[in-house]
PDB file of N, CA and C in Angstrom:
ATOM      1  N   UNK A   1      67.245   8.211 -51.324  1.00  0.00           N
ATOM      2  CA  UNK A   1      67.479   8.006 -49.910  1.00  0.00           C
ATOM      3  C   UNK A   1      66.706   6.787 -49.420  1.00  0.00           C
ATOM      4  N   UNK A   2      65.500   6.641 -49.892  1.00  0.00           N
ATOM      5  CA  UNK A   2      64.688   5.530 -49.416  1.00  0.00           C
ATOM      6  C   UNK A   2      65.251   4.199 -49.893  1.00  0.00           C
ATOM      7  N   UNK A   3      65.658   4.132 -51.153  1.00  0.00           N
ATOM      8  CA  UNK A   3      66.157   2.876 -51.695  1.00  0.00           C
ATOM      9  C   UNK A   3      67.459   2.457 -51.046  1.00  0.00           C
ATOM     10  N   UNK A   4      68.423   3.363 -50.931  1.00  0.00           N
ATOM     11  CA  UNK A   4      69.743   3.017 -50.398  1.00  0.00           C
ATOM     12  C   UNK A   4      69.771   2.951 -48.882  1.00  0.00           C
ATOM     13  N   UNK A   5      69.106   3.860 -48.214  1.00  0.00           N
ATOM     14  CA  UNK A   5      69.218   3.935 -46.770  1.00  0.00           C
ATOM     15  C   UNK A   5      67.985   3.544 -46.011  1.00  0.00           C
ATOM     16  N   UNK A   6      66.932   3.151 -46.730  1.00  0.00           N
ATOM     17  CA  UNK A   6      65.659   2.808 -46.087  1.00  0.00           C
ATOM     18  C   UNK A   6      65.163   3.955 -45.216  1.00  0.00           C
ATOM     19  N   UNK A   7      65.342   5.174 -45.739  1.00  0.00           N
ATOM     20  CA  UNK A   7      65.015   6.370 -44.982  1.00  0.00           C
ATOM     21  C   UNK A   7      64.214   7.310 -45.863  1.00  0.00           C
ATOM     22  N   UNK A   8      63.123   7.802 -45.332  1.00  0.00           N
ATOM     23  CA  UNK A   8      62.342   8.783 -46.079  1.00  0.00           C
ATOM     24  C   UNK A   8      62.444  10.124 -45.371  1.00  0.00           C
ATOM     25  N   UNK A   9      62.832  11.107 -46.096  1.00  0.00           N
ATOM     26  CA  UNK A   9      62.919  12.467 -45.582  1.00  0.00           C
ATOM     27  C   UNK A   9      62.797  13.414 -46.773  1.00  0.00           C
ATOM     28  N   UNK A  10      62.348  14.611 -46.514  1.00  0.00           N
ATOM     29  CA  UNK A  10      62.200  15.585 -47.585  1.00  0.00           C
ATOM     30  C   UNK A  10      63.580  16.003 -48.090  1.00  0.00           C
ATOM     31  N   UNK A  11      63.692  16.126 -49.403  1.00  0.00           N
ATOM     32  CA  UNK A  11      64.939  16.580 -50.006  1.00  0.00           C
ATOM     33  C   UNK A  11      64.668  17.758 -50.926  1.00  0.00           C
ATOM     34  N   UNK A  12      65.722  18.519 -51.186  1.00  0.00           N
ATOM     35  CA  UNK A  12      65.614  19.705 -52.025  1.00  0.00           C
ATOM     36  C   UNK A  12      66.741  19.699 -53.050  1.00  0.00           C
ATOM     37  N   UNK A  13      66.421  19.907 -54.310  1.00  0.00           N
ATOM     38  CA  UNK A  13      67.438  20.037 -55.345  1.00  0.00           C
ATOM     39  C   UNK A  13      68.148  21.372 -55.137  1.00  0.00           C
ATOM     40  N   UNK A  14      69.487  21.332 -54.956  1.00  0.00           N
ATOM     41  CA  UNK A  14      70.195  22.596 -54.749  1.00  0.00           C
ATOM     42  C   UNK A  14      71.157  22.918 -55.873  1.00  0.00           C
ATOM     43  N   UNK A  15      71.501  21.936 -56.708  1.00  0.00           N
ATOM     44  CA  UNK A  15      72.445  22.222 -57.791  1.00  0.00           C
ATOM     45  C   UNK A  15      72.388  21.144 -58.857  1.00  0.00           C
ATOM     46  N   UNK A  16      72.738  21.534 -60.065  1.00  0.00           N
ATOM     47  CA  UNK A  16      72.993  20.589 -61.133  1.00  0.00           C
ATOM     48  C   UNK A  16      74.427  20.821 -61.561  1.00  0.00           C
ATOM     49  N   UNK A  17      75.204  19.756 -61.536  1.00  0.00           N
ATOM     50  CA  UNK A  17      76.624  19.845 -61.824  1.00  0.00           C
ATOM     51  C   UNK A  17      76.920  19.146 -63.151  1.00  0.00           C
ATOM     52  N   UNK A  18      77.689  19.822 -64.004  1.00  0.00           N
ATOM     53  CA  UNK A  18      78.048  19.252 -65.293  1.00  0.00           C
ATOM     54  C   UNK A  18      79.557  19.063 -65.358  1.00  0.00           C
ATOM     55  N   UNK A  19      79.961  17.896 -65.829  1.00  0.00           N
ATOM     56  CA  UNK A  19      81.376  17.596 -66.028  1.00  0.00           C
ATOM     57  C   UNK A  19      81.572  17.370 -67.514  1.00  0.00           C
ATOM     58  N   UNK A  20      82.502  18.098 -68.102  1.00  0.00           N
ATOM     59  CA  UNK A  20      82.743  17.992 -69.543  1.00  0.00           C
ATOM     60  C   UNK A  20      84.240  17.883 -69.790  1.00  0.00           C
ATOM     61  N   UNK A  21      84.769  16.697 -69.527  1.00  0.00           N
ATOM     62  CA  UNK A  21      86.178  16.407 -69.765  1.00  0.00           C
ATOM     63  C   UNK A  21      86.305  15.555 -71.018  1.00  0.00           C
ATOM     64  N   UNK A  22      87.438  15.573 -71.686  1.00  0.00           N
ATOM     65  CA  UNK A  22      87.596  14.735 -72.877  1.00  0.00           C
ATOM     66  C   UNK A  22      87.339  13.254 -72.591  1.00  0.00           C
ATOM     67  N   UNK A  23      87.756  12.801 -71.407  1.00  0.00           N
ATOM     68  CA  UNK A  23      87.625  11.381 -71.095  1.00  0.00           C
ATOM     69  C   UNK A  23      86.330  11.029 -70.365  1.00  0.00           C
ATOM     70  N   UNK A  24      85.589  12.037 -69.932  1.00  0.00           N
ATOM     71  CA  UNK A  24      84.367  11.733 -69.186  1.00  0.00           C
ATOM     72  C   UNK A  24      83.410  12.915 -69.213  1.00  0.00           C
ATOM     73  N   UNK A  25      82.142  12.601 -69.380  1.00  0.00           N
ATOM     74  CA  UNK A  25      81.099  13.607 -69.354  1.00  0.00           C
ATOM     75  C   UNK A  25      80.018  13.119 -68.386  1.00  0.00           C
ATOM     76  N   UNK A  26      79.505  14.029 -67.576  1.00  0.00           N
ATOM     77  CA  UNK A  26      78.487  13.637 -66.601  1.00  0.00           C
ATOM     78  C   UNK A  26      77.650  14.835 -66.208  1.00  0.00           C
ATOM     79  N   UNK A  27      76.419  14.549 -65.846  1.00  0.00           N
ATOM     80  CA  UNK A  27      75.524  15.557 -65.273  1.00  0.00           C
ATOM     81  C   UNK A  27      74.971  14.927 -63.998  1.00  0.00           C
ATOM     82  N   UNK A  28      75.051  15.668 -62.907  1.00  0.00           N
ATOM     83  CA  UNK A  28      74.534  15.167 -61.635  1.00  0.00           C
ATOM     84  C   UNK A  28      73.592  16.195 -61.027  1.00  0.00           C
ATOM     85  N   UNK A  29      72.491  15.701 -60.514  1.00  0.00           N
ATOM     86  CA  UNK A  29      71.582  16.545 -59.731  1.00  0.00           C
ATOM     87  C   UNK A  29      71.936  16.321 -58.273  1.00  0.00           C
ATOM     88  N   UNK A  30      72.161  17.411 -57.544  1.00  0.00           N
ATOM     89  CA  UNK A  30      72.622  17.332 -56.162  1.00  0.00           C
ATOM     90  C   UNK A  30      71.501  17.783 -55.239  1.00  0.00           C
ATOM     91  N   UNK A  31      71.173  16.911 -54.306  1.00  0.00           N
ATOM     92  CA  UNK A  31      70.083  17.173 -53.373  1.00  0.00           C
ATOM     93  C   UNK A  31      70.617  17.358 -51.961  1.00  0.00           C
ATOM     94  N   UNK A  32      69.849  18.046 -51.144  1.00  0.00           N
ATOM     95  CA  UNK A  32      70.173  18.272 -49.749  1.00  0.00           C
ATOM     96  C   UNK A  32      68.954  17.884 -48.934  1.00  0.00           C
ATOM     97  N   UNK A  33      69.175  17.138 -47.852  1.00  0.00           N
ATOM     98  CA  UNK A  33      68.045  16.828 -46.969  1.00  0.00           C
ATOM     99  C   UNK A  33      67.644  18.096 -46.242  1.00  0.00           C
ATOM    100  N   UNK A  34      66.387  18.157 -45.884  1.00  0.00           N
ATOM    101  CA  UNK A  34      65.911  19.362 -45.208  1.00  0.00           C
ATOM    102  C   UNK A  34      66.078  19.289 -43.708  1.00  0.00           C
ATOM    103  N   UNK A  35      66.472  18.128 -43.199  1.00  0.00           N
ATOM    104  CA  UNK A  35      66.808  18.016 -41.779  1.00  0.00           C
ATOM    105  C   UNK A  35      67.992  17.072 -41.650  1.00  0.00           C
ATOM    106  N   UNK A  36      68.751  17.240 -40.578  1.00  0.00           N
ATOM    107  CA  UNK A  36      69.917  16.411 -40.340  1.00  0.00           C
ATOM    108  C   UNK A  36      69.497  14.960 -40.113  1.00  0.00           C
ATOM    109  N   UNK A  37      70.304  14.031 -40.602  1.00  0.00           N
ATOM    110  CA  UNK A  37      70.004  12.612 -40.472  1.00  0.00           C
ATOM    111  C   UNK A  37      71.023  11.982 -39.538  1.00  0.00           C
ATOM    112  N   UNK A  38      70.553  11.255 -38.559  1.00  0.00           N
ATOM    113  CA  UNK A  38      71.434  10.498 -37.672  1.00  0.00           C
ATOM    114  C   UNK A  38      71.904   9.249 -38.437  1.00  0.00           C
ATOM    115  N   UNK A  39      73.180   9.176 -38.742  1.00  0.00           N
ATOM    116  CA  UNK A  39      73.692   8.057 -39.544  1.00  0.00           C
ATOM    117  C   UNK A  39      73.491   6.707 -38.862  1.00  0.00           C
ATOM    118  N   UNK A  40      73.282   6.708 -37.563  1.00  0.00           N
ATOM    119  CA  UNK A  40      73.028   5.452 -36.849  1.00  0.00           C
ATOM    120  C   UNK A  40      71.674   4.858 -37.195  1.00  0.00           C
ATOM    121  N   UNK A  41      70.782   5.659 -37.775  1.00  0.00           N
ATOM    122  CA  UNK A  41      69.448   5.154 -38.130  1.00  0.00           C
ATOM    123  C   UNK A  41      69.405   4.585 -39.545  1.00  0.00           C
ATOM    124  N   UNK A  42      70.477   4.768 -40.316  1.00  0.00           N
ATOM    125  CA  UNK A  42      70.494   4.249 -41.684  1.00  0.00           C
ATOM    126  C   UNK A  42      70.602   2.732 -41.696  1.00  0.00           C
ATOM    127  N   UNK A  43      69.851   2.102 -42.578  1.00  0.00           N
ATOM    128  CA  UNK A  43      69.926   0.661 -42.765  1.00  0.00           C
ATOM    129  C   UNK A  43      70.756   0.414 -44.016  1.00  0.00           C
ATOM    130  N   UNK A  44      72.027   0.110 -43.831  1.00  0.00           N
ATOM    131  CA  UNK A  44      72.949  -0.005 -44.944  1.00  0.00           C
ATOM    132  C   UNK A  44      73.077  -1.446 -45.409  1.00  0.00           C
ATOM    133  N   UNK A  45      73.299  -1.615 -46.700  1.00  0.00           N
ATOM    134  CA  UNK A  45      73.520  -2.932 -47.292  1.00  0.00           C
ATOM    135  C   UNK A  45      75.006  -3.267 -47.125  1.00  0.00           C
ATOM    136  N   UNK A  46      75.313  -4.211 -46.267  1.00  0.00           N
ATOM    137  CA  UNK A  46      76.720  -4.543 -45.955  1.00  0.00           C
ATOM    138  C   UNK A  46      77.473  -5.101 -47.156  1.00  0.00           C
ATOM    139  N   UNK A  47      76.768  -5.537 -48.191  1.00  0.00           N
ATOM    140  CA  UNK A  47      77.479  -5.990 -49.393  1.00  0.00           C
ATOM    141  C   UNK A  47      77.926  -4.800 -50.261  1.00  0.00           C
ATOM    142  N   UNK A  48      77.395  -3.618 -49.988  1.00  0.00           N
ATOM    143  CA  UNK A  48      77.749  -2.419 -50.741  1.00  0.00           C
ATOM    144  C   UNK A  48      78.571  -1.423 -49.923  1.00  0.00           C
ATOM    145  N   UNK A  49      78.377  -1.396 -48.621  1.00  0.00           N
ATOM    146  CA  UNK A  49      79.036  -0.405 -47.762  1.00  0.00           C
ATOM    147  C   UNK A  49      79.710  -1.131 -46.610  1.00  0.00           C
ATOM    148  N   UNK A  50      81.026  -0.979 -46.523  1.00  0.00           N
ATOM    149  CA  UNK A  50      81.762  -1.627 -45.440  1.00  0.00           C
ATOM    150  C   UNK A  50      81.978  -0.681 -44.259  1.00  0.00           C
ATOM    151  N   UNK A  51      82.025   0.621 -44.527  1.00  0.00           N
ATOM    152  CA  UNK A  51      82.387   1.584 -43.501  1.00  0.00           C
ATOM    153  C   UNK A  51      81.709   2.908 -43.805  1.00  0.00           C
ATOM    154  N   UNK A  52      81.212   3.551 -42.777  1.00  0.00           N
ATOM    155  CA  UNK A  52      80.540   4.834 -42.938  1.00  0.00           C
ATOM    156  C   UNK A  52      81.129   5.833 -41.947  1.00  0.00           C
ATOM    157  N   UNK A  53      81.480   7.003 -42.461  1.00  0.00           N
ATOM    158  CA  UNK A  53      81.993   8.072 -41.605  1.00  0.00           C
ATOM    159  C   UNK A  53      81.461   9.392 -42.124  1.00  0.00           C
ATOM    160  N   UNK A  54      81.105  10.275 -41.215  1.00  0.00           N
ATOM    161  CA  UNK A  54      80.579  11.589 -41.589  1.00  0.00           C
ATOM    162  C   UNK A  54      81.693  12.632 -41.551  1.00  0.00           C
ATOM    163  N   UNK A  55      81.652  13.541 -42.513  1.00  0.00           N
ATOM    164  CA  UNK A  55      82.584  14.650 -42.579  1.00  0.00           C
ATOM    165  C   UNK A  55      81.778  15.910 -42.848  1.00  0.00           C
ATOM    166  N   UNK A  56      82.252  17.050 -42.346  1.00  0.00           N
ATOM    167  CA  UNK A  56      81.580  18.284 -42.726  1.00  0.00           C
ATOM    168  C   UNK A  56      82.164  18.757 -44.058  1.00  0.00           C
ATOM    169  N   UNK A  57      81.504  19.722 -44.657  1.00  0.00           N
ATOM    170  CA  UNK A  57      81.856  20.186 -46.007  1.00  0.00           C
ATOM    171  C   UNK A  57      83.296  20.669 -46.095  1.00  0.00           C
ATOM    172  N   UNK A  58      83.739  21.433 -45.108  1.00  0.00           N
ATOM    173  CA  UNK A  58      85.105  21.959 -45.160  1.00  0.00           C
ATOM    174  C   UNK A  58      86.149  20.865 -44.943  1.00  0.00           C
ATOM    175  N   UNK A  59      85.825  19.858 -44.152  1.00  0.00           N
ATOM    176  CA  UNK A  59      86.762  18.726 -43.990  1.00  0.00           C
ATOM    177  C   UNK A  59      86.996  18.039 -45.330  1.00  0.00           C
ATOM    178  N   UNK A  60      85.936  17.843 -46.087  1.00  0.00           N
ATOM    179  CA  UNK A  60      86.081  17.200 -47.403  1.00  0.00           C
ATOM    180  C   UNK A  60      86.897  18.090 -48.334  1.00  0.00           C
ATOM    181  N   UNK A  61      86.633  19.387 -48.321  1.00  0.00           N
ATOM    182  CA  UNK A  61      87.405  20.306 -49.171  1.00  0.00           C
ATOM    183  C   UNK A  61      88.896  20.226 -48.827  1.00  0.00           C
ATOM    184  N   UNK A  62      89.222  20.167 -47.543  1.00  0.00           N
ATOM    185  CA  UNK A  62      90.622  20.050 -47.129  1.00  0.00           C
ATOM    186  C   UNK A  62      91.240  18.728 -47.566  1.00  0.00           C
ATOM    187  N   UNK A  63      90.462  17.656 -47.470  1.00  0.00           N
ATOM    188  CA  UNK A  63      90.962  16.342 -47.905  1.00  0.00           C
ATOM    189  C   UNK A  63      91.271  16.362 -49.403  1.00  0.00           C
ATOM    190  N   UNK A  64      90.416  16.994 -50.173  1.00  0.00           N
ATOM    191  CA  UNK A  64      90.646  17.083 -51.622  1.00  0.00           C
ATOM    192  C   UNK A  64      91.896  17.921 -51.902  1.00  0.00           C
ATOM    193  N   UNK A  65      92.064  19.025 -51.177  1.00  0.00           N
ATOM    194  CA  UNK A  65      93.247  19.883 -51.371  1.00  0.00           C
ATOM    195  C   UNK A  65      94.532  19.127 -51.050  1.00  0.00           C
ATOM    196  N   UNK A  66      94.495  18.336 -49.977  1.00  0.00           N
ATOM    197  CA  UNK A  66      95.694  17.631 -49.519  1.00  0.00           C
ATOM    198  C   UNK A  66      96.030  16.398 -50.363  1.00  0.00           C
ATOM    199  N   UNK A  67      95.010  15.681 -50.834  1.00  0.00           N
ATOM    200  CA  UNK A  67      95.249  14.458 -51.589  1.00  0.00           C
ATOM    201  C   UNK A  67      94.248  14.309 -52.735  1.00  0.00           C
ATOM    202  N   UNK A  68      94.330  15.181 -53.722  1.00  0.00           N
ATOM    203  CA  UNK A  68      93.345  15.113 -54.819  1.00  0.00           C
ATOM    204  C   UNK A  68      93.370  13.787 -55.573  1.00  0.00           C
ATOM    205  N   UNK A  69      94.492  13.108 -55.589  1.00  0.00           N
ATOM    206  CA  UNK A  69      94.597  11.835 -56.286  1.00  0.00           C
ATOM    207  C   UNK A  69      93.729  10.737 -55.667  1.00  0.00           C
ATOM    208  N   UNK A  70      93.261  10.970 -54.452  1.00  0.00           N
ATOM    209  CA  UNK A  70      92.414   9.986 -53.755  1.00  0.00           C
ATOM    210  C   UNK A  70      90.940  10.095 -54.165  1.00  0.00           C
ATOM    211  N   UNK A  71      90.613  11.100 -54.987  1.00  0.00           N
ATOM    212  CA  UNK A  71      89.225  11.354 -55.360  1.00  0.00           C
ATOM    213  C   UNK A  71      89.056  11.298 -56.876  1.00  0.00           C
ATOM    214  N   UNK A  72      87.938  10.767 -57.293  1.00  0.00           N
ATOM    215  CA  UNK A  72      87.623  10.730 -58.728  1.00  0.00           C
ATOM    216  C   UNK A  72      87.375  12.158 -59.219  1.00  0.00           C
ATOM    217  N   UNK A  73      87.800  12.471 -60.454  1.00  0.00           N
ATOM    218  CA  UNK A  73      87.557  13.812 -61.009  1.00  0.00           C
ATOM    219  C   UNK A  73      86.076  14.200 -60.978  1.00  0.00           C
ATOM    220  N   UNK A  74      85.210  13.240 -61.211  1.00  0.00           N
ATOM    221  CA  UNK A  74      83.774  13.545 -61.183  1.00  0.00           C
ATOM    222  C   UNK A  74      83.343  13.955 -59.778  1.00  0.00           C
ATOM    223  N   UNK A  75      83.845  13.257 -58.768  1.00  0.00           N
ATOM    224  CA  UNK A  75      83.486  13.613 -57.395  1.00  0.00           C
ATOM    225  C   UNK A  75      83.949  15.025 -57.063  1.00  0.00           C
ATOM    226  N   UNK A  76      85.193  15.338 -57.435  1.00  0.00           N
ATOM    227  CA  UNK A  76      85.740  16.665 -57.137  1.00  0.00           C
ATOM    228  C   UNK A  76      84.881  17.751 -57.769  1.00  0.00           C
ATOM    229  N   UNK A  77      84.549  17.591 -59.029  1.00  0.00           N
ATOM    230  CA  UNK A  77      83.724  18.584 -59.734  1.00  0.00           C
ATOM    231  C   UNK A  77      82.365  18.739 -59.082  1.00  0.00           C
ATOM    232  N   UNK A  78      81.700  17.613 -58.821  1.00  0.00           N
ATOM    233  CA  UNK A  78      80.362  17.671 -58.232  1.00  0.00           C
ATOM    234  C   UNK A  78      80.412  18.189 -56.796  1.00  0.00           C
ATOM    235  N   UNK A  79      81.449  17.831 -56.050  1.00  0.00           N
ATOM    236  CA  UNK A  79      81.565  18.322 -54.676  1.00  0.00           C
ATOM    237  C   UNK A  79      81.681  19.836 -54.625  1.00  0.00           C
ATOM    238  N   UNK A  80      82.549  20.424 -55.460  1.00  0.00           N
ATOM    239  CA  UNK A  80      82.715  21.868 -55.407  1.00  0.00           C
ATOM    240  C   UNK A  80      81.476  22.607 -55.925  1.00  0.00           C
ATOM    241  N   UNK A  81      80.739  21.995 -56.820  1.00  0.00           N
ATOM    242  CA  UNK A  81      79.454  22.557 -57.251  1.00  0.00           C
ATOM    243  C   UNK A  81      78.477  22.545 -56.064  1.00  0.00           C
ATOM    244  N   UNK A  82      78.434  21.415 -55.348  1.00  0.00           N
ATOM    245  CA  UNK A  82      77.590  21.325 -54.160  1.00  0.00           C
ATOM    246  C   UNK A  82      78.000  22.366 -53.124  1.00  0.00           C
ATOM    247  N   UNK A  83      79.297  22.469 -52.864  1.00  0.00           N
ATOM    248  CA  UNK A  83      79.807  23.388 -51.845  1.00  0.00           C
ATOM    249  C   UNK A  83      79.382  24.831 -52.126  1.00  0.00           C
ATOM    250  N   UNK A  84      79.488  25.228 -53.384  1.00  0.00           N
ATOM    251  CA  UNK A  84      79.089  26.583 -53.766  1.00  0.00           C
ATOM    252  C   UNK A  84      77.600  26.807 -53.521  1.00  0.00           C
ATOM    253  N   UNK A  85      76.780  25.844 -53.947  1.00  0.00           N
ATOM    254  CA  UNK A  85      75.318  25.973 -53.741  1.00  0.00           C
ATOM    255  C   UNK A  85      74.973  25.935 -52.262  1.00  0.00           C
ATOM    256  N   UNK A  86      75.658  25.102 -51.495  1.00  0.00           N
ATOM    257  CA  UNK A  86      75.412  24.983 -50.060  1.00  0.00           C
ATOM    258  C   UNK A  86      75.739  26.296 -49.351  1.00  0.00           C
ATOM    259  N   UNK A  87      76.847  26.905 -49.702  1.00  0.00           N
ATOM    260  CA  UNK A  87      77.230  28.188 -49.090  1.00  0.00           C
ATOM    261  C   UNK A  87      76.173  29.272 -49.338  1.00  0.00           C
ATOM    262  N   UNK A  88      75.573  29.246 -50.518  1.00  0.00           N
ATOM    263  CA  UNK A  88      74.533  30.231 -50.841  1.00  0.00           C
ATOM    264  C   UNK A  88      73.280  30.049 -49.984  1.00  0.00           C
ATOM    265  N   UNK A  89      73.052  28.804 -49.566  1.00  0.00           N
ATOM    266  CA  UNK A  89      71.856  28.521 -48.739  1.00  0.00           C
ATOM    267  C   UNK A  89      72.047  28.939 -47.302  1.00  0.00           C
ATOM    268  N   UNK A  90      73.285  29.051 -46.854  1.00  0.00           N
ATOM    269  CA  UNK A  90      73.544  29.364 -45.435  1.00  0.00           C
ATOM    270  C   UNK A  90      73.153  30.787 -45.083  1.00  0.00           C
TER     271      UNK A  90
END
């Protein structure tokens, strides 16, 4: 968070997601901030990020259901792992 967004806040590891497909293998550690972040306070690198928009967890799940081809398989796998862990925290 500090490197990409110039923001320091406490984070918590909530899940480790593993992807084991014939064409791709990945392990991701998924973190959650302990407090909500105002996206207007982020200092973004304009050479890396052209546009920023916030979505809630269920909006993203619906977007994946409606147009899965718009998302990388790794993102889909890691997102649903995050969603499951996030629901357990609620």
